[in-house]
Protein backbone atom coordinates (compact mmCIF):
# COMPACT_ATOMS: atom_id res chain seq x y z
CA MET A 1 -15.87 6.18 9.14
CA LYS A 2 -13.35 7.57 11.88
CA THR A 3 -11.28 10.72 12.02
CA PHE A 4 -7.76 10.87 12.93
CA SER A 5 -5.61 13.74 13.78
CA ILE A 6 -1.56 13.49 12.53
CA SER A 7 0.45 15.35 15.57
CA GLU A 8 3.51 14.42 14.25
CA LYS A 9 4.73 15.30 11.35
CA VAL A 10 5.42 12.34 8.72
CA GLU A 11 7.30 11.92 5.95
CA LEU A 12 5.99 11.08 2.87
CA TYR A 13 8.84 9.34 1.62
CA GLU A 14 7.73 6.65 4.60
CA ILE A 15 4.31 6.78 3.59
CA PHE A 16 5.37 6.01 0.66
CA CYS A 17 7.88 2.90 1.45
CA ALA A 18 4.84 1.76 4.00
CA VAL A 19 2.61 0.87 1.00
CA LEU A 20 5.15 -0.26 -0.74
CA TYR A 21 5.66 -2.94 1.73
CA VAL A 22 1.94 -4.31 2.12
CA LEU A 23 1.59 -4.74 -1.91
CA LYS A 24 4.79 -6.34 -1.78
CA SER A 25 4.00 -8.58 0.82
CA GLY A 26 -0.07 -8.83 0.68
CA TYR A 27 -0.04 -7.77 4.41
CA GLN A 28 -3.26 -6.30 5.36
CA TRP A 29 -3.51 -2.58 6.64
CA ARG A 30 -3.29 -3.08 10.30
CA MET A 31 -0.63 -5.89 10.05
CA LEU A 32 2.09 -2.97 9.46
CA PRO A 33 5.27 -3.03 11.77
CA LYS A 34 5.95 -0.53 14.01
CA GLY A 35 8.91 1.29 12.20
CA PHE A 36 6.42 2.52 9.94
CA PRO A 37 3.67 5.25 10.13
CA LYS A 38 -0.29 4.71 11.95
CA TRP A 39 -1.83 2.53 9.19
CA GLN A 40 -4.78 4.33 8.75
CA LEU A 41 -3.01 6.97 7.28
CA VAL A 42 -0.82 4.56 5.16
CA TYR A 43 -4.18 3.69 3.89
CA TYR A 44 -5.80 7.24 3.39
CA TYR A 45 -3.12 7.98 1.46
CA TRP A 46 -2.62 4.50 -0.84
CA ARG A 47 -6.70 5.98 -1.52
CA ILE A 48 -5.72 9.62 -2.27
CA TRP A 49 -2.97 8.19 -4.66
CA SER A 50 -4.77 5.03 -5.86
CA LYS A 51 -7.48 7.52 -7.77
CA THR A 52 -7.40 6.92 -11.18
CA ASN A 53 -8.70 10.53 -13.22
CA ASP A 54 -11.89 10.80 -14.88
CA GLU A 55 -9.63 11.08 -18.02
CA GLY A 56 -8.90 7.43 -17.78
CA LYS A 57 -5.13 8.00 -17.14
CA PRO A 58 -3.11 5.55 -14.45
CA SER A 59 -3.81 6.16 -11.14
CA LEU A 60 -0.67 8.66 -9.78
CA LEU A 61 0.87 5.37 -7.22
CA GLU A 62 0.39 3.50 -10.95
CA GLN A 63 2.37 5.70 -12.73
CA LEU A 64 5.53 5.97 -10.46
CA LEU A 65 5.11 2.09 -9.73
CA LYS A 66 5.48 1.60 -13.59
CA LYS A 67 8.16 4.58 -13.39
CA THR A 68 10.53 2.54 -10.67
CA GLY A 69 9.96 -0.81 -12.62
CA TRP A 70 7.13 -2.22 -10.06
CA ARG A 71 6.80 -5.95 -11.07
CA GLY A 72 3.96 -5.92 -8.25
CA PRO A 73 4.90 -9.28 -4.90
CA LYS A 74 7.05 -12.41 -5.68
CA GLU A 75 3.96 -14.60 -5.81
CA PRO A 76 0.42 -13.92 -4.73
CA TRP A 77 -0.54 -14.99 -1.38
CA THR A 78 -2.91 -17.37 -2.42
CA GLN A 79 -0.02 -19.04 -4.46
CA CYS A 80 2.64 -18.99 -1.38
CA HIS A 81 -0.40 -20.35 0.91
CA SER A 82 -2.27 -22.37 -0.98
CA LYS A 83 -0.09 -25.36 0.62
CA TYR A 84 -1.14 -25.01 3.92
CA VAL A 85 -5.44 -24.37 2.80
CA ASP A 86 -7.71 -27.16 1.81
CA SER A 87 -9.60 -27.41 -1.22
């Protein structure tokens, strides 16, 4: 695994917005637009926030998404692109 250093400060809100962008759009991490923090940093925080604890509680990210009323992407990638893929 490659290591990286954070040479500039990035607000957690920007990272959270980038995580939501990936979750909503279904894009790959490496396809984050340039306006967001680097994909490696966003992925790093997603992994931390997505970990479930030993007690079986939902992850921090799941708890937060539930509080905000998150319903997931409007249409999964496989459904919206199935017309372009031959079966």
